[in-house]
PDB file of all heavy atoms in Angstrom:
ATOM      1  N   VAL A   1      63.405 114.672 192.576  1.00  0.00           N
ATOM      2  CA  VAL A   1      62.222 115.046 191.782  1.00  0.00           C
ATOM      3  C   VAL A   1      62.469 114.836 190.305  1.00  0.00           C
ATOM      4  O   VAL A   1      61.623 114.285 189.586  1.00  0.00           O
ATOM      5  CB  VAL A   1      61.832 116.512 192.069  1.00  0.00           C
ATOM      6  CG1 VAL A   1      60.795 116.980 191.043  1.00  0.00           C
ATOM      7  CG2 VAL A   1      61.259 116.653 193.470  1.00  0.00           C
ATOM      8  N   SER A   2      63.626 115.260 189.800  1.00  0.00           N
ATOM      9  CA  SER A   2      63.922 115.117 188.385  1.00  0.00           C
ATOM     10  C   SER A   2      64.006 113.635 187.975  1.00  0.00           C
ATOM     11  O   SER A   2      63.490 113.230 186.938  1.00  0.00           O
ATOM     12  CB  SER A   2      65.204 115.848 188.005  1.00  0.00           C
ATOM     13  OG  SER A   2      66.317 115.320 188.704  1.00  0.00           O
ATOM     14  N   ALA A   3      64.660 112.817 188.815  1.00  0.00           N
ATOM     15  CA  ALA A   3      64.764 111.397 188.526  1.00  0.00           C
ATOM     16  C   ALA A   3      63.380 110.749 188.495  1.00  0.00           C
ATOM     17  O   ALA A   3      63.059 109.960 187.588  1.00  0.00           O
ATOM     18  CB  ALA A   3      65.643 110.705 189.572  1.00  0.00           C
ATOM     19  N   SER A   4      62.520 111.112 189.467  1.00  0.00           N
ATOM     20  CA  SER A   4      61.162 110.571 189.505  1.00  0.00           C
ATOM     21  C   SER A   4      60.374 111.015 188.287  1.00  0.00           C
ATOM     22  O   SER A   4      59.637 110.212 187.689  1.00  0.00           O
ATOM     23  CB  SER A   4      60.472 111.076 190.782  1.00  0.00           C
ATOM     24  OG  SER A   4      59.127 110.655 190.809  1.00  0.00           O
ATOM     25  N   SER A   5      60.538 112.265 187.868  1.00  0.00           N
ATOM     26  CA  SER A   5      59.788 112.781 186.718  1.00  0.00           C
ATOM     27  C   SER A   5      60.220 112.137 185.414  1.00  0.00           C
ATOM     28  O   SER A   5      59.398 111.894 184.526  1.00  0.00           O
ATOM     29  CB  SER A   5      59.933 114.316 186.634  1.00  0.00           C
ATOM     30  OG  SER A   5      59.374 114.921 187.769  1.00  0.00           O
ATOM     31  N   PHE A   6      61.512 111.873 185.263  1.00  0.00           N
ATOM     32  CA  PHE A   6      61.973 111.161 184.040  1.00  0.00           C
ATOM     33  C   PHE A   6      61.345 109.770 183.957  1.00  0.00           C
ATOM     34  O   PHE A   6      60.915 109.329 182.890  1.00  0.00           O
ATOM     35  CB  PHE A   6      63.503 111.049 184.034  1.00  0.00           C
ATOM     36  CG  PHE A   6      64.201 112.279 183.533  1.00  0.00           C
ATOM     37  CD1 PHE A   6      65.077 112.976 184.347  1.00  0.00           C
ATOM     38  CD2 PHE A   6      63.973 112.750 182.244  1.00  0.00           C
ATOM     39  CE1 PHE A   6      65.722 114.120 183.889  1.00  0.00           C
ATOM     40  CE2 PHE A   6      64.613 113.896 181.778  1.00  0.00           C
ATOM     41  CZ  PHE A   6      65.482 114.591 182.608  1.00  0.00           C
ATOM     42  N   PHE A   7      61.278 109.061 185.072  1.00  0.00           N
ATOM     43  CA  PHE A   7      60.622 107.762 185.080  1.00  0.00           C
ATOM     44  C   PHE A   7      59.125 107.902 184.787  1.00  0.00           C
ATOM     45  O   PHE A   7      58.516 107.058 184.142  1.00  0.00           O
ATOM     46  CB  PHE A   7      60.831 107.047 186.417  1.00  0.00           C
ATOM     47  CG  PHE A   7      62.053 106.168 186.453  1.00  0.00           C
ATOM     48  CD1 PHE A   7      62.814 106.060 187.597  1.00  0.00           C
ATOM     49  CD2 PHE A   7      62.441 105.442 185.334  1.00  0.00           C
ATOM     50  CE1 PHE A   7      63.940 105.245 187.652  1.00  0.00           C
ATOM     51  CE2 PHE A   7      63.582 104.632 185.362  1.00  0.00           C
ATOM     52  CZ  PHE A   7      64.309 104.532 186.522  1.00  0.00           C
ATOM     53  N   THR A   8      58.504 108.977 185.315  1.00  0.00           N
ATOM     54  CA  THR A   8      57.098 109.220 185.054  1.00  0.00           C
ATOM     55  C   THR A   8      56.869 109.425 183.562  1.00  0.00           C
ATOM     56  O   THR A   8      55.905 108.917 182.977  1.00  0.00           O
ATOM     57  CB  THR A   8      56.596 110.448 185.839  1.00  0.00           C
ATOM     58  OG1 THR A   8      56.708 110.177 187.246  1.00  0.00           O
ATOM     59  CG2 THR A   8      55.156 110.772 185.496  1.00  0.00           C
ATOM     60  N   PHE A   9      57.757 110.226 182.917  1.00  0.00           N
ATOM     61  CA  PHE A   9      57.655 110.425 181.479  1.00  0.00           C
ATOM     62  C   PHE A   9      57.707 109.066 180.747  1.00  0.00           C
ATOM     63  O   PHE A   9      56.910 108.832 179.819  1.00  0.00           O
ATOM     64  CB  PHE A   9      58.808 111.292 180.984  1.00  0.00           C
ATOM     65  CG  PHE A   9      58.551 112.759 181.091  1.00  0.00           C
ATOM     66  CD1 PHE A   9      59.591 113.650 181.433  1.00  0.00           C
ATOM     67  CD2 PHE A   9      57.295 113.294 180.834  1.00  0.00           C
ATOM     68  CE1 PHE A   9      59.356 115.007 181.525  1.00  0.00           C
ATOM     69  CE2 PHE A   9      57.050 114.662 180.932  1.00  0.00           C
ATOM     70  CZ  PHE A   9      58.082 115.514 181.267  1.00  0.00           C
ATOM     71  N   PHE A  10      58.611 108.199 181.166  1.00  0.00           N
ATOM     72  CA  PHE A  10      58.742 106.888 180.527  1.00  0.00           C
ATOM     73  C   PHE A  10      57.448 106.085 180.711  1.00  0.00           C
ATOM     74  O   PHE A  10      56.918 105.507 179.755  1.00  0.00           O
ATOM     75  CB  PHE A  10      59.927 106.137 181.130  1.00  0.00           C
ATOM     76  CG  PHE A  10      60.046 104.709 180.656  1.00  0.00           C
ATOM     77  CD1 PHE A  10      60.625 104.411 179.407  1.00  0.00           C
ATOM     78  CD2 PHE A  10      59.547 103.654 181.413  1.00  0.00           C
ATOM     79  CE1 PHE A  10      60.706 103.108 178.954  1.00  0.00           C
ATOM     80  CE2 PHE A  10      59.635 102.349 180.976  1.00  0.00           C
ATOM     81  CZ  PHE A  10      60.219 102.071 179.735  1.00  0.00           C
ATOM     82  N   ASN A  11      56.936 106.038 181.941  1.00  0.00           N
ATOM     83  CA  ASN A  11      55.712 105.293 182.219  1.00  0.00           C
ATOM     84  C   ASN A  11      54.526 105.825 181.419  1.00  0.00           C
ATOM     85  O   ASN A  11      53.743 105.051 180.861  1.00  0.00           O
ATOM     86  CB  ASN A  11      55.383 105.350 183.710  1.00  0.00           C
ATOM     87  CG  ASN A  11      56.316 104.471 184.535  1.00  0.00           C
ATOM     88  OD1 ASN A  11      56.734 103.419 184.093  1.00  0.00           O
ATOM     89  ND2 ASN A  11      56.656 104.929 185.734  1.00  0.00           N
ATOM     90  N   TRP A  12      54.400 107.141 181.344  1.00  0.00           N
ATOM     91  CA  TRP A  12      53.290 107.727 180.588  1.00  0.00           C
ATOM     92  C   TRP A  12      53.405 107.425 179.101  1.00  0.00           C
ATOM     93  O   TRP A  12      52.399 107.156 178.435  1.00  0.00           O
ATOM     94  CB  TRP A  12      53.244 109.225 180.841  1.00  0.00           C
ATOM     95  CG  TRP A  12      52.738 109.598 182.196  1.00  0.00           C
ATOM     96  CD1 TRP A  12      52.489 108.743 183.243  1.00  0.00           C
ATOM     97  CD2 TRP A  12      52.460 110.917 182.688  1.00  0.00           C
ATOM     98  NE1 TRP A  12      52.051 109.442 184.327  1.00  0.00           N
ATOM     99  CE2 TRP A  12      52.020 110.762 184.033  1.00  0.00           C
ATOM    100  CE3 TRP A  12      52.512 112.187 182.130  1.00  0.00           C
ATOM    101  CZ2 TRP A  12      51.655 111.860 184.823  1.00  0.00           C
ATOM    102  CZ3 TRP A  12      52.164 113.277 182.912  1.00  0.00           C
ATOM    103  CH2 TRP A  12      51.727 113.111 184.242  1.00  0.00           C
ATOM    104  N   PHE A  13      54.623 107.456 178.583  1.00  0.00           N
ATOM    105  CA  PHE A  13      54.828 107.168 177.160  1.00  0.00           C
ATOM    106  C   PHE A  13      54.402 105.731 176.862  1.00  0.00           C
ATOM    107  O   PHE A  13      53.736 105.466 175.852  1.00  0.00           O
ATOM    108  CB  PHE A  13      56.309 107.358 176.793  1.00  0.00           C
ATOM    109  CG  PHE A  13      56.571 107.383 175.310  1.00  0.00           C
ATOM    110  CD1 PHE A  13      56.514 108.567 174.607  1.00  0.00           C
ATOM    111  CD2 PHE A  13      56.850 106.204 174.625  1.00  0.00           C
ATOM    112  CE1 PHE A  13      56.767 108.587 173.223  1.00  0.00           C
ATOM    113  CE2 PHE A  13      57.088 106.219 173.259  1.00  0.00           C
ATOM    114  CZ  PHE A  13      57.033 107.412 172.555  1.00  0.00           C
ATOM    115  N   ILE A  14      54.740 104.783 177.732  1.00  0.00           N
ATOM    116  CA  ILE A  14      54.347 103.378 177.536  1.00  0.00           C
ATOM    117  C   ILE A  14      52.836 103.233 177.672  1.00  0.00           C
ATOM    118  O   ILE A  14      52.193 102.476 176.914  1.00  0.00           O
ATOM    119  CB  ILE A  14      55.069 102.462 178.532  1.00  0.00           C
ATOM    120  CG1 ILE A  14      56.577 102.547 178.332  1.00  0.00           C
ATOM    121  CG2 ILE A  14      54.594 101.012 178.381  1.00  0.00           C
ATOM    122  CD1 ILE A  14      57.033 102.165 176.935  1.00  0.00           C
ATOM    123  N   MET A  15      52.218 103.946 178.602  1.00  0.00           N
ATOM    124  CA  MET A  15      50.765 103.897 178.751  1.00  0.00           C
ATOM    125  C   MET A  15      50.058 104.374 177.461  1.00  0.00           C
ATOM    126  O   MET A  15      49.087 103.775 177.023  1.00  0.00           O
ATOM    127  CB  MET A  15      50.327 104.749 179.926  1.00  0.00           C
ATOM    128  CG  MET A  15      50.718 104.209 181.293  1.00  0.00           C
ATOM    129  SD  MET A  15      50.280 105.378 182.636  1.00  0.00           S
ATOM    130  CE  MET A  15      51.126 104.594 184.029  1.00  0.00           C
ATOM    131  N   LEU A  16      50.568 105.459 176.907  1.00  0.00           N
ATOM    132  CA  LEU A  16      49.973 105.983 175.657  1.00  0.00           C
ATOM    133  C   LEU A  16      50.202 105.032 174.488  1.00  0.00           C
ATOM    134  O   LEU A  16      49.329 104.837 173.643  1.00  0.00           O
ATOM    135  CB  LEU A  16      50.574 107.360 175.363  1.00  0.00           C
ATOM    136  CG  LEU A  16      50.186 108.479 176.338  1.00  0.00           C
ATOM    137  CD1 LEU A  16      51.034 109.719 176.097  1.00  0.00           C
ATOM    138  CD2 LEU A  16      48.716 108.807 176.236  1.00  0.00           C
ATOM    139  N   THR A  17      51.384 104.414 174.450  1.00  0.00           N
ATOM    140  CA  THR A  17      51.671 103.424 173.400  1.00  0.00           C
ATOM    141  C   THR A  17      50.727 102.232 173.526  1.00  0.00           C
ATOM    142  O   THR A  17      50.179 101.739 172.528  1.00  0.00           O
ATOM    143  CB  THR A  17      53.124 102.956 173.506  1.00  0.00           C
ATOM    144  OG1 THR A  17      54.013 104.061 173.381  1.00  0.00           O
ATOM    145  CG2 THR A  17      53.448 101.930 172.410  1.00  0.00           C
ATOM    146  N   THR A  18      50.529 101.781 174.754  1.00  0.00           N
ATOM    147  CA  THR A  18      49.612 100.652 174.999  1.00  0.00           C
ATOM    148  C   THR A  18      48.205 101.007 174.518  1.00  0.00           C
ATOM    149  O   THR A  18      47.540 100.168 173.897  1.00  0.00           O
ATOM    150  CB  THR A  18      49.591 100.330 176.508  1.00  0.00           C
ATOM    151  OG1 THR A  18      50.892  99.988 176.941  1.00  0.00           O
ATOM    152  CG2 THR A  18      48.634  99.165 176.794  1.00  0.00           C
ATOM    153  N   PHE A  19      47.776 102.228 174.790  1.00  0.00           N
ATOM    154  CA  PHE A  19      46.444 102.677 174.348  1.00  0.00           C
ATOM    155  C   PHE A  19      46.329 102.657 172.829  1.00  0.00           C
ATOM    156  O   PHE A  19      45.289 102.215 172.275  1.00  0.00           O
ATOM    157  CB  PHE A  19      46.177 104.079 174.881  1.00  0.00           C
ATOM    158  CG  PHE A  19      45.004 104.764 174.241  1.00  0.00           C
ATOM    159  CD1 PHE A  19      43.704 104.323 174.493  1.00  0.00           C
ATOM    160  CD2 PHE A  19      45.183 105.847 173.401  1.00  0.00           C
ATOM    161  CE1 PHE A  19      42.613 104.957 173.901  1.00  0.00           C
ATOM    162  CE2 PHE A  19      44.112 106.485 172.804  1.00  0.00           C
ATOM    163  CZ  PHE A  19      42.814 106.047 173.038  1.00  0.00           C
ATOM    164  N   LEU A  20      47.354 103.124 172.120  1.00  0.00           N
ATOM    165  CA  LEU A  20      47.306 103.142 170.663  1.00  0.00           C
ATOM    166  C   LEU A  20      47.216 101.735 170.083  1.00  0.00           C
ATOM    167  O   LEU A  20      46.457 101.474 169.134  1.00  0.00           O
ATOM    168  CB  LEU A  20      48.533 103.870 170.094  1.00  0.00           C
ATOM    169  CG  LEU A  20      48.598 105.375 170.348  1.00  0.00           C
ATOM    170  CD1 LEU A  20      49.933 105.938 169.875  1.00  0.00           C
ATOM    171  CD2 LEU A  20      47.442 106.081 169.608  1.00  0.00           C
ATOM    172  N   VAL A  21      47.975 100.797 170.685  1.00  0.00           N
ATOM    173  CA  VAL A  21      47.912  99.402 170.218  1.00  0.00           C
ATOM    174  C   VAL A  21      46.526  98.826 170.518  1.00  0.00           C
ATOM    175  O   VAL A  21      45.929  98.137 169.690  1.00  0.00           O
ATOM    176  CB  VAL A  21      49.015  98.550 170.885  1.00  0.00           C
ATOM    177  CG1 VAL A  21      48.897  97.090 170.445  1.00  0.00           C
ATOM    178  CG2 VAL A  21      50.397  99.100 170.514  1.00  0.00           C
ATOM    179  N   TRP A  22      46.015  99.092 171.705  1.00  0.00           N
ATOM    180  CA  TRP A  22      44.669  98.629 172.081  1.00  0.00           C
ATOM    181  C   TRP A  22      43.635  99.178 171.109  1.00  0.00           C
ATOM    182  O   TRP A  22      42.721  98.450 170.681  1.00  0.00           O
ATOM    183  CB  TRP A  22      44.343  99.099 173.500  1.00  0.00           C
ATOM    184  CG  TRP A  22      42.944  98.755 173.927  1.00  0.00           C
ATOM    185  CD1 TRP A  22      42.519  97.636 174.577  1.00  0.00           C
ATOM    186  CD2 TRP A  22      41.760  99.563 173.725  1.00  0.00           C
ATOM    187  NE1 TRP A  22      41.157  97.690 174.782  1.00  0.00           N
ATOM    188  CE2 TRP A  22      40.661  98.857 174.267  1.00  0.00           C
ATOM    189  CE3 TRP A  22      41.524 100.799 173.123  1.00  0.00           C
ATOM    190  CZ2 TRP A  22      39.357  99.361 174.234  1.00  0.00           C
ATOM    191  CZ3 TRP A  22      40.232 101.294 173.074  1.00  0.00           C
ATOM    192  CH2 TRP A  22      39.164 100.587 173.632  1.00  0.00           C
ATOM    193  N   ARG A  23      43.759 100.466 170.763  1.00  0.00           N
ATOM    194  CA  ARG A  23      42.785 101.118 169.896  1.00  0.00           C
ATOM    195  C   ARG A  23      42.753 100.464 168.506  1.00  0.00           C
ATOM    196  O   ARG A  23      41.671 100.325 167.907  1.00  0.00           O
ATOM    197  CB  ARG A  23      43.123 102.621 169.770  1.00  0.00           C
ATOM    198  CG  ARG A  23      42.157 103.424 168.914  1.00  0.00           C
ATOM    199  CD  ARG A  23      42.583 104.881 168.830  1.00  0.00           C
ATOM    200  NE  ARG A  23      41.731 105.608 167.927  1.00  0.00           N
ATOM    201  CZ  ARG A  23      41.891 105.645 166.609  1.00  0.00           C
ATOM    202  NH1 ARG A  23      42.906 104.970 166.077  1.00  0.00           N
ATOM    203  NH2 ARG A  23      41.074 106.329 165.821  1.00  0.00           N
ATOM    204  N   ARG A  24      43.926 100.079 167.987  1.00  0.00           N
ATOM    205  CA  ARG A  24      43.958  99.443 166.670  1.00  0.00           C
ATOM    206  C   ARG A  24      43.223  98.100 166.680  1.00  0.00           C
ATOM    207  O   ARG A  24      42.668  97.685 165.649  1.00  0.00           O
ATOM    208  CB  ARG A  24      45.400  99.238 166.226  1.00  0.00           C
ATOM    209  CG  ARG A  24      46.068 100.519 165.732  1.00  0.00           C
ATOM    210  CD  ARG A  24      47.300 100.217 164.883  1.00  0.00           C
ATOM    211  NE  ARG A  24      48.338  99.576 165.667  1.00  0.00           N
ATOM    212  CZ  ARG A  24      49.306 100.216 166.286  1.00  0.00           C
ATOM    213  NH1 ARG A  24      49.335 101.545 166.268  1.00  0.00           N
ATOM    214  NH2 ARG A  24      50.240  99.566 166.963  1.00  0.00           N
ATOM    215  N   LYS A  25      43.203  97.428 167.835  1.00  0.00           N
ATOM    216  CA  LYS A  25      42.562  96.122 167.920  1.00  0.00           C
ATOM    217  C   LYS A  25      41.116  96.180 168.415  1.00  0.00           C
ATOM    218  O   LYS A  25      40.394  95.180 168.353  1.00  0.00           O
ATOM    219  CB  LYS A  25      43.384  95.225 168.876  1.00  0.00           C
ATOM    220  CG  LYS A  25      44.788  94.966 168.388  1.00  0.00           C
ATOM    221  CD  LYS A  25      45.540  94.051 169.342  1.00  0.00           C
ATOM    222  CE  LYS A  25      46.938  93.754 168.836  1.00  0.00           C
ATOM    223  NZ  LYS A  25      47.707  92.857 169.725  1.00  0.00           N
ATOM    224  N   ASN A  26      40.702  97.353 168.906  1.00  0.00           N
ATOM    225  CA  ASN A  26      39.354  97.492 169.471  1.00  0.00           C
ATOM    226  C   ASN A  26      38.728  98.807 169.032  1.00  0.00           C
ATOM    227  O   ASN A  26      38.462  99.697 169.844  1.00  0.00           O
ATOM    228  CB  ASN A  26      39.419  97.435 171.003  1.00  0.00           C
ATOM    229  CG  ASN A  26      40.041  96.176 171.530  1.00  0.00           C
ATOM    230  OD1 ASN A  26      39.372  95.157 171.728  1.00  0.00           O
ATOM    231  ND2 ASN A  26      41.341  96.214 171.792  1.00  0.00           N
ATOM    232  N   ARG A  27      38.462  98.936 167.761  1.00  0.00           N
ATOM    233  CA  ARG A  27      37.999 100.214 167.208  1.00  0.00           C
ATOM    234  C   ARG A  27      36.562 100.575 167.591  1.00  0.00           C
ATOM    235  O   ARG A  27      36.190 101.734 167.537  1.00  0.00           O
ATOM    236  CB  ARG A  27      38.135 100.212 165.685  1.00  0.00           C
ATOM    237  CG  ARG A  27      39.589 100.214 165.213  1.00  0.00           C
ATOM    238  CD  ARG A  27      39.700 100.431 163.727  1.00  0.00           C
ATOM    239  NE  ARG A  27      41.098 100.533 163.307  1.00  0.00           N
ATOM    240  CZ  ARG A  27      41.810 101.647 163.326  1.00  0.00           C
ATOM    241  NH1 ARG A  27      41.250 102.760 163.766  1.00  0.00           N
ATOM    242  NH2 ARG A  27      43.069 101.652 162.930  1.00  0.00           N
ATOM    243  N   ASN A  28      35.759  99.618 167.933  1.00  0.00           N
ATOM    244  CA  ASN A  28      34.347  99.897 168.203  1.00  0.00           C
ATOM    245  C   ASN A  28      34.002  99.938 169.683  1.00  0.00           C
ATOM    246  O   ASN A  28      32.840  99.945 170.057  1.00  0.00           O
ATOM    247  CB  ASN A  28      33.470  98.821 167.513  1.00  0.00           C
ATOM    248  CG  ASN A  28      33.629  98.841 165.998  1.00  0.00           C
ATOM    249  OD1 ASN A  28      33.721  99.909 165.406  1.00  0.00           O
ATOM    250  ND2 ASN A  28      33.654  97.670 165.384  1.00  0.00           N
ATOM    251  N   LYS A  29      35.012  99.955 170.542  1.00  0.00           N
ATOM    252  CA  LYS A  29      34.742  99.955 171.977  1.00  0.00           C
ATOM    253  C   LYS A  29      34.827 101.369 172.554  1.00  0.00           C
ATOM    254  O   LYS A  29      35.317 102.300 171.916  1.00  0.00           O
ATOM    255  CB  LYS A  29      35.729  99.024 172.697  1.00  0.00           C
ATOM    256  CG  LYS A  29      35.505  97.564 172.356  1.00  0.00           C
ATOM    257  CD  LYS A  29      36.336  96.667 173.244  1.00  0.00           C
ATOM    258  CE  LYS A  29      36.017  95.186 172.985  1.00  0.00           C
ATOM    259  NZ  LYS A  29      36.799  94.276 173.829  1.00  0.00           N
ATOM    260  N   HIS A  30      34.296 101.491 173.780  1.00  0.00           N
ATOM    261  CA  HIS A  30      34.252 102.785 174.459  1.00  0.00           C
ATOM    262  C   HIS A  30      35.646 103.344 174.715  1.00  0.00           C
ATOM    263  O   HIS A  30      36.525 102.627 175.150  1.00  0.00           O
ATOM    264  CB  HIS A  30      33.505 102.650 175.793  1.00  0.00           C
ATOM    265  CG  HIS A  30      33.590 103.871 176.653  1.00  0.00           C
ATOM    266  ND1 HIS A  30      32.823 104.995 176.416  1.00  0.00           N
ATOM    267  CD2 HIS A  30      34.356 104.160 177.738  1.00  0.00           C
ATOM    268  CE1 HIS A  30      33.105 105.911 177.312  1.00  0.00           C
ATOM    269  NE2 HIS A  30      34.032 105.433 178.139  1.00  0.00           N
ATOM    270  N   ILE A  31      35.816 104.613 174.415  1.00  0.00           N
ATOM    271  CA  ILE A  31      37.073 105.328 174.681  1.00  0.00           C
ATOM    272  C   ILE A  31      36.767 106.493 175.612  1.00  0.00           C
ATOM    273  O   ILE A  31      35.801 107.231 175.419  1.00  0.00           O
ATOM    274  CB  ILE A  31      37.737 105.817 173.397  1.00  0.00           C
ATOM    275  CG1 ILE A  31      38.177 104.613 172.535  1.00  0.00           C
ATOM    276  CG2 ILE A  31      38.941 106.711 173.700  1.00  0.00           C
ATOM    277  CD1 ILE A  31      38.855 104.978 171.243  1.00  0.00           C
ATOM    278  N   SER A  32      37.578 106.653 176.632  1.00  0.00           N
ATOM    279  CA  SER A  32      37.366 107.678 177.639  1.00  0.00           C
ATOM    280  C   SER A  32      37.253 109.077 177.044  1.00  0.00           C
ATOM    281  O   SER A  32      37.947 109.402 176.070  1.00  0.00           O
ATOM    282  CB  SER A  32      38.519 107.641 178.650  1.00  0.00           C
ATOM    283  OG  SER A  32      38.456 108.741 179.532  1.00  0.00           O
ATOM    284  N   TRP A  33      36.401 109.888 177.645  1.00  0.00           N
ATOM    285  CA  TRP A  33      36.253 111.270 177.202  1.00  0.00           C
ATOM    286  C   TRP A  33      37.564 112.034 177.326  1.00  0.00           C
ATOM    287  O   TRP A  33      37.837 112.982 176.569  1.00  0.00           O
ATOM    288  CB  TRP A  33      35.186 111.984 178.063  1.00  0.00           C
ATOM    289  CG  TRP A  33      33.883 111.257 178.160  1.00  0.00           C
ATOM    290  CD1 TRP A  33      33.254 110.555 177.157  1.00  0.00           C
ATOM    291  CD2 TRP A  33      33.055 111.153 179.318  1.00  0.00           C
ATOM    292  NE1 TRP A  33      32.065 110.041 177.633  1.00  0.00           N
ATOM    293  CE2 TRP A  33      31.923 110.369 178.959  1.00  0.00           C
ATOM    294  CE3 TRP A  33      33.140 111.625 180.629  1.00  0.00           C
ATOM    295  CZ2 TRP A  33      30.904 110.065 179.853  1.00  0.00           C
ATOM    296  CZ3 TRP A  33      32.120 111.328 181.507  1.00  0.00           C
ATOM    297  CH2 TRP A  33      31.024 110.557 181.125  1.00  0.00           C
ATOM    298  N   LEU A  34      38.376 111.645 178.303  1.00  0.00           N
ATOM    299  CA  LEU A  34      39.631 112.375 178.525  1.00  0.00           C
ATOM    300  C   LEU A  34      40.658 112.168 177.443  1.00  0.00           C
ATOM    301  O   LEU A  34      41.631 112.917 177.339  1.00  0.00           O
ATOM    302  CB  LEU A  34      40.219 111.975 179.884  1.00  0.00           C
ATOM    303  CG  LEU A  34      39.475 112.483 181.121  1.00  0.00           C
ATOM    304  CD1 LEU A  34      39.965 111.780 182.365  1.00  0.00           C
ATOM    305  CD2 LEU A  34      39.624 113.986 181.252  1.00  0.00           C
ATOM    306  N   ALA A  35      40.448 111.147 176.606  1.00  0.00           N
ATOM    307  CA  ALA A  35      41.353 110.914 175.470  1.00  0.00           C
ATOM    308  C   ALA A  35      40.831 111.668 174.246  1.00  0.00           C
ATOM    309  O   ALA A  35      40.975 111.200 173.112  1.00  0.00           O
ATOM    310  CB  ALA A  35      41.459 109.421 175.182  1.00  0.00           C
ATOM    311  N   PHE A  36      40.233 112.822 174.475  1.00  0.00           N
ATOM    312  CA  PHE A  36      39.635 113.606 173.379  1.00  0.00           C
ATOM    313  C   PHE A  36      40.669 113.912 172.294  1.00  0.00           C
ATOM    314  O   PHE A  36      41.837 114.177 172.576  1.00  0.00           O
ATOM    315  CB  PHE A  36      39.063 114.921 173.926  1.00  0.00           C
ATOM    316  CG  PHE A  36      40.068 115.805 174.634  1.00  0.00           C
ATOM    317  CD1 PHE A  36      40.803 116.747 173.914  1.00  0.00           C
ATOM    318  CD2 PHE A  36      40.273 115.691 176.000  1.00  0.00           C
ATOM    319  CE1 PHE A  36      41.738 117.558 174.555  1.00  0.00           C
ATOM    320  CE2 PHE A  36      41.203 116.506 176.647  1.00  0.00           C
ATOM    321  CZ  PHE A  36      41.926 117.448 175.925  1.00  0.00           C
ATOM    322  N   GLY A  37      40.184 113.840 171.052  1.00  0.00           N
ATOM    323  CA  GLY A  37      41.067 114.117 169.930  1.00  0.00           C
ATOM    324  C   GLY A  37      41.956 112.979 169.503  1.00  0.00           C
ATOM    325  O   GLY A  37      42.828 113.146 168.644  1.00  0.00           O
ATOM    326  N   HIS A  38      41.748 111.795 170.097  1.00  0.00           N
ATOM    327  CA  HIS A  38      42.584 110.632 169.761  1.00  0.00           C
ATOM    328  C   HIS A  38      42.377 110.248 168.287  1.00  0.00           C
ATOM    329  O   HIS A  38      41.290 110.463 167.744  1.00  0.00           O
ATOM    330  CB  HIS A  38      42.226 109.438 170.677  1.00  0.00           C
ATOM    331  CG  HIS A  38      40.810 108.959 170.490  1.00  0.00           C
ATOM    332  ND1 HIS A  38      40.414 108.062 169.515  1.00  0.00           N
ATOM    333  CD2 HIS A  38      39.678 109.300 171.153  1.00  0.00           C
ATOM    334  CE1 HIS A  38      39.122 107.845 169.595  1.00  0.00           C
ATOM    335  NE2 HIS A  38      38.645 108.589 170.569  1.00  0.00           N
ATOM    336  N   PRO A  39      43.346 109.681 167.611  1.00  0.00           N
ATOM    337  CA  PRO A  39      44.696 109.392 168.089  1.00  0.00           C
ATOM    338  C   PRO A  39      45.669 110.566 167.906  1.00  0.00           C
ATOM    339  O   PRO A  39      46.798 110.481 168.357  1.00  0.00           O
ATOM    340  CB  PRO A  39      45.118 108.212 167.216  1.00  0.00           C
ATOM    341  CG  PRO A  39      44.470 108.494 165.902  1.00  0.00           C
ATOM    342  CD  PRO A  39      43.143 109.126 166.239  1.00  0.00           C
ATOM    343  N   VAL A  40      45.208 111.649 167.215  1.00  0.00           N
ATOM    344  CA  VAL A  40      46.098 112.777 166.966  1.00  0.00           C
ATOM    345  C   VAL A  40      46.598 113.375 168.286  1.00  0.00           C
ATOM    346  O   VAL A  40      47.794 113.640 168.453  1.00  0.00           O
ATOM    347  CB  VAL A  40      45.380 113.871 166.122  1.00  0.00           C
ATOM    348  CG1 VAL A  40      46.271 115.097 165.975  1.00  0.00           C
ATOM    349  CG2 VAL A  40      45.004 113.317 164.754  1.00  0.00           C
ATOM    350  N   SER A  41      45.682 113.584 169.234  1.00  0.00           N
ATOM    351  CA  SER A  41      46.062 114.158 170.520  1.00  0.00           C
ATOM    352  C   SER A  41      47.005 113.225 171.267  1.00  0.00           C
ATOM    353  O   SER A  41      47.886 113.706 172.010  1.00  0.00           O
ATOM    354  CB  SER A  41      44.813 114.440 171.367  1.00  0.00           C
ATOM    355  OG  SER A  41      44.108 113.239 171.601  1.00  0.00           O
TER     356      SER A  41
END
């Protein structure tokens, strides 16, 4: 479980990084409601 969760942390961190890079290049496009408070959140 711990090994799986550490990899999950890594995957989620990359997903969030990808979103931030996408956001800088696509400022006027739809952003999911679940990303509320972005980019601070």
